[in-house]
Protein backbone atom coordinates (compact mmCIF):
# COMPACT_ATOMS: atom_id res chain seq x y z
CA MET A 1 81.82 16.14 -108.80
CA THR A 2 78.17 17.11 -108.11
CA GLU A 3 77.38 19.69 -106.01
CA GLU A 4 74.69 19.48 -103.29
CA THR A 5 72.57 22.47 -102.56
CA PRO A 6 72.26 22.90 -98.93
CA GLY A 7 68.81 23.30 -97.60
CA PHE A 8 66.61 22.53 -94.32
CA ASP A 9 64.40 19.92 -93.93
CA GLU A 10 61.00 20.82 -92.64
CA GLN A 11 59.96 19.01 -89.30
CA GLN A 12 57.02 16.97 -90.06
CA PRO A 13 55.08 15.42 -87.08
CA ASP A 14 55.37 11.83 -86.32
CA VAL A 15 52.88 9.92 -88.07
CA PRO A 16 52.40 6.41 -86.51
CA SER A 17 53.87 3.39 -89.38
CA GLY A 18 50.74 2.63 -91.54
CA ALA A 19 48.41 6.07 -90.53
CA THR A 20 48.88 9.14 -92.69
CA SER A 21 47.90 12.54 -91.50
CA ASP A 22 44.62 12.56 -92.51
CA ASP A 23 43.69 9.81 -89.64
CA ALA A 24 45.75 11.84 -86.64
CA GLU A 25 42.80 15.31 -87.50
CA PRO A 26 39.90 12.94 -86.03
CA LYS A 27 41.43 11.59 -83.44
CA ALA A 28 42.04 15.15 -82.17
CA ALA A 29 38.94 16.33 -82.46
CA SER A 30 38.09 13.28 -80.41
CA SER A 31 40.29 14.60 -77.64
CA ALA A 32 38.74 17.97 -77.57
CA LYS A 33 35.45 16.36 -77.37
CA GLU A 34 36.25 14.81 -74.34
CA GLU A 35 38.29 17.35 -72.29
CA GLY A 36 35.07 19.25 -73.37
CA ALA A 37 32.56 16.48 -71.67
CA ALA A 38 34.34 16.26 -68.33
CA PRO A 39 33.37 19.23 -66.20
CA ALA A 40 29.72 17.40 -67.29
CA GLY A 41 30.92 14.19 -65.74
CA ASP A 42 32.09 15.91 -62.52
CA ALA A 43 28.87 17.70 -61.57
CA ALA A 44 26.64 14.64 -61.97
CA GLN A 45 29.56 12.91 -59.81
CA SER A 46 29.07 15.61 -57.24
CA ALA A 47 25.39 15.46 -57.32
CA GLY A 48 25.27 11.73 -56.98
CA LEU A 49 27.56 12.05 -53.80
CA THR A 50 25.38 15.11 -52.45
CA ALA A 51 22.43 12.73 -52.67
CA GLN A 52 24.42 9.90 -51.02
CA LEU A 53 25.18 12.33 -48.35
CA ASP A 54 21.74 13.50 -47.46
CA GLN A 55 21.04 10.11 -46.85
CA VAL A 56 23.74 9.56 -44.46
CA ARG A 57 22.54 12.48 -42.96
CA THR A 58 18.80 11.25 -42.45
CA ALA A 59 19.90 7.64 -41.78
CA LEU A 60 22.17 9.53 -38.61
CA GLY A 61 19.07 11.71 -37.78
CA GLU A 62 16.37 8.52 -37.33
CA ARG A 63 19.47 6.47 -35.59
CA THR A 64 19.51 9.58 -33.26
CA ALA A 65 16.21 9.95 -32.43
CA ASP A 66 15.91 6.33 -31.74
CA LEU A 67 18.79 6.07 -29.40
CA GLN A 68 17.20 9.24 -27.44
CA ARG A 69 14.18 7.49 -27.08
CA LEU A 70 15.91 3.98 -25.79
CA GLN A 71 17.54 6.04 -23.39
CA ALA A 72 14.74 7.88 -22.25
CA GLU A 73 12.71 4.99 -21.55
CA TYR A 74 15.85 2.92 -19.90
CA GLN A 75 15.51 5.91 -17.37
CA ASN A 76 12.07 5.83 -17.05
CA TYR A 77 12.61 1.53 -16.90
CA ARG A 78 15.08 2.23 -14.24
CA ARG A 79 12.85 5.19 -11.82
CA ARG A 80 10.50 2.73 -11.87
CA VAL A 81 12.27 -0.11 -10.57
CA GLU A 82 13.47 1.65 -7.83
CA ARG A 83 10.33 3.07 -6.80
CA ASP A 84 8.52 -0.64 -7.01
CA ARG A 85 11.67 -1.88 -5.01
CA VAL A 86 11.00 0.95 -2.46
CA ALA A 87 7.23 0.30 -2.06
CA VAL A 88 8.05 -3.80 -1.92
CA ARG A 89 10.37 -2.79 1.15
CA GLU A 90 8.21 -0.55 2.62
CA ILE A 91 5.30 -3.29 2.66
CA ALA A 92 7.81 -6.36 3.89
CA ILE A 93 8.72 -3.89 6.89
CA ALA A 94 4.98 -2.93 7.64
CA ASN A 95 3.81 -6.09 7.71
CA LEU A 96 6.81 -7.41 9.74
CA LEU A 97 6.53 -4.60 12.51
CA THR A 98 2.31 -5.19 12.23
CA GLU A 99 2.91 -8.80 13.70
CA LEU A 100 5.18 -6.69 16.37
CA LEU A 101 2.77 -4.50 17.60
CA PRO A 102 0.94 -6.91 20.00
CA VAL A 103 4.23 -7.33 21.71
CA LEU A 104 4.79 -3.35 21.96
CA ASP A 105 1.11 -3.26 23.49
CA ASP A 106 2.15 -6.09 25.82
CA ILE A 107 5.28 -4.03 26.82
CA GLY A 108 3.47 -0.88 27.19
CA ARG A 109 0.90 -2.40 29.67
CA ALA A 110 3.92 -3.76 31.69
CA ARG A 111 5.49 -0.73 31.57
CA GLU A 112 2.39 1.41 33.16
CA HIS A 113 1.92 -1.22 35.82
CA GLY A 114 5.77 -1.26 36.83
CA GLU A 115 6.35 -4.80 35.68
CA LEU A 116 9.30 -4.09 33.13
CA VAL A 117 12.36 -5.02 35.43
CA GLY A 118 15.28 -7.06 34.67
CA GLY A 119 16.28 -8.72 32.04
CA PHE A 120 12.98 -8.26 30.34
CA LYS A 121 12.89 -4.25 30.45
CA SER A 122 16.42 -5.13 28.23
CA VAL A 123 14.67 -7.01 25.81
CA ALA A 124 12.04 -4.72 25.46
CA GLU A 125 14.09 -1.86 25.02
CA SER A 126 16.06 -3.35 22.89
CA LEU A 127 13.15 -4.32 20.78
CA GLU A 128 11.83 -0.88 20.68
CA THR A 129 14.57 0.51 19.55
CA VAL A 130 14.87 -1.96 16.42
CA ALA A 131 11.53 -1.12 15.93
CA ALA A 132 12.29 2.40 15.79
CA LYS A 133 15.71 2.12 13.49
CA MET A 134 12.86 0.38 10.85
CA GLY A 135 10.89 3.23 10.73
CA LEU A 136 7.98 2.65 13.44
CA GLN A 137 6.72 5.60 14.99
CA GLN A 138 4.70 5.76 17.51
CA PHE A 139 1.73 8.48 18.05
CA GLY A 140 -1.61 9.47 19.82
CA LYS A 141 -1.37 11.69 22.83
CA GLU A 142 -4.17 12.94 25.37
CA GLY A 143 -5.36 16.48 24.66
CA GLU A 144 -5.01 16.52 20.79
CA PRO A 145 -7.79 17.31 18.33
CA PHE A 146 -9.56 14.00 17.30
CA ASP A 147 -8.50 13.01 13.49
CA PRO A 148 -10.70 9.97 11.87
CA THR A 149 -8.00 9.93 9.62
CA VAL A 150 -5.59 8.54 12.58
CA HIS A 151 -7.69 8.00 15.19
CA GLU A 152 -10.49 5.51 15.82
CA ALA A 153 -12.65 6.64 18.87
CA LEU A 154 -13.34 3.43 20.89
CA MET A 155 -15.52 5.88 23.57
CA HIS A 156 -18.10 8.76 23.41
CA SER A 157 -18.50 11.38 26.03
CA TYR A 158 -19.41 15.03 26.43
CA ALA A 159 -17.40 17.69 28.36
CA PRO A 160 -17.95 21.17 29.30
CA ASP A 161 -14.27 22.23 29.05
CA VAL A 162 -13.45 21.09 25.38
CA THR A 163 -14.59 23.43 22.53
CA GLU A 164 -13.73 20.41 20.08
CA THR A 165 -14.20 16.67 19.46
CA THR A 166 -10.70 16.16 21.77
CA CYS A 167 -8.82 12.65 22.56
CA VAL A 168 -9.41 12.66 26.25
CA ALA A 169 -7.75 9.03 26.69
CA ILE A 170 -5.24 6.81 24.69
CA LEU A 171 -6.56 3.33 24.86
CA GLN A 172 -4.48 1.94 22.63
CA PRO A 173 -1.14 3.91 20.54
CA GLY A 174 -1.17 4.12 17.13
CA TYR A 175 1.84 3.29 14.68
CA ARG A 176 3.23 4.99 11.64
CA ILE A 177 5.83 4.35 8.79
CA GLY A 178 6.86 7.50 7.83
CA GLU A 179 3.54 8.58 6.12
CA ARG A 180 1.88 5.30 6.42
CA THR A 181 -0.21 4.41 8.74
CA ILE A 182 -0.29 0.69 10.11
CA ARG A 183 -2.53 0.69 12.70
CA PRO A 184 -5.07 3.80 14.26
CA ALA A 185 -4.72 5.15 18.10
CA ARG A 186 -7.41 3.88 19.56
CA VAL A 187 -8.81 6.68 21.83
CA ALA A 188 -11.80 7.85 24.16
CA VAL A 189 -13.44 11.15 22.83
CA ALA A 190 -15.09 14.09 24.42
CA GLU A 191 -17.32 16.80 22.43
CA PRO A 192 -18.42 19.92 23.57
CA GLN A 193 -21.80 19.65 26.31
CA PRO A 194 -24.72 20.35 23.77
CA GLY A 195 -26.53 23.30 24.85
CA ALA A 196 -23.98 24.91 26.96
CA GLN A 197 -23.92 28.26 25.58
CA THR A 198 -27.59 28.62 25.12
CA VAL A 199 -28.49 27.87 28.60
CA LYS A 200 -27.12 31.23 29.78
CA PRO A 201 -29.66 33.11 27.44
CA ALA A 202 -32.35 30.94 28.71
CA GLU A 203 -31.69 31.90 32.05
CA GLU A 204 -31.63 35.36 31.27
CA SER A 205 -34.74 35.62 29.39
CA GLY A 206 -36.70 33.85 32.52
CA LYS A 207 -35.26 36.10 34.76
CA ALA A 208 -35.81 39.33 33.07
CA LYS A 209 -39.33 37.92 32.76
CA GLY A 210 -39.90 37.17 35.99
CA ASP A 211 -38.61 41.06 36.82
CA ALA A 212 -41.20 42.30 34.21
CA GLN A 213 -44.04 40.20 36.24
CA GLY A 214 -42.47 41.21 39.87
CA GLU A 215 -42.43 45.12 38.43
CA ALA A 216 -46.22 44.40 37.15
CA GLY A 217 -47.56 43.20 40.55
CA ASP A 218 -46.51 45.80 42.57
CA ALA A 219 -47.62 48.33 40.24
CA GLY A 220 -50.98 47.05 40.80
CA GLU A 221 -50.64 46.86 44.32
CA GLY A 222 -49.64 50.73 44.13
CA LYS A 223 -53.36 50.95 42.39
CA ASP A 224 -55.08 49.44 44.86
CA SER A 225 -53.51 51.13 47.48
CA GLY A 226 -54.91 54.42 46.17
CA PRO A 227 -59.14 54.32 46.84
CA GLU A 228 -58.32 52.92 50.51
CA GLU A 229 -57.18 56.39 51.61
CA GLY A 230 -59.78 57.98 50.45
């Protein structure tokens, strides 16, 4: 009977069938190279993402600037449209009220002559109320200074009791809508009397000259009387 000598089997690395240990060594070296090259690939990928992020940020800034510009243009457009709408409305109202001014003049003359009575008075007052609600304002009063921007002088005279060109009579009232004059007030004006301030000094000068001549005459008479006494 043959005796077997006990021993330990050394564990060998698993080698695929048909491959030797010499083939395993190059694969291990290649795996090590790939692990060393991995960080370089990550850096390149990160740089690419950063570049893309910068491009996105630039595009976002451009789109934001475009949006702000469009918003500003839209606001300007809205203000322009609103301003034009108000201007068109004022022009339409002014044209309408301008056509009604002769009627208002007739009402004013009828009131001055005491003919505004009965139903005609009610209609006239209603018309004047509607015109006032639409912004029509009457102006022009006696005694106010003459302003060529809102007054039209139809008559001219001189008066000693005025110190500046003054409206002394309102021949036809003026009308305005807000700050816009649709018809100037037609008035008679009076100016200060020319030479009114120089009359008194001239009179005083003549009086002083007459007094001087009178004194000279008295002196001559006194001088002539002396020899007569001798």
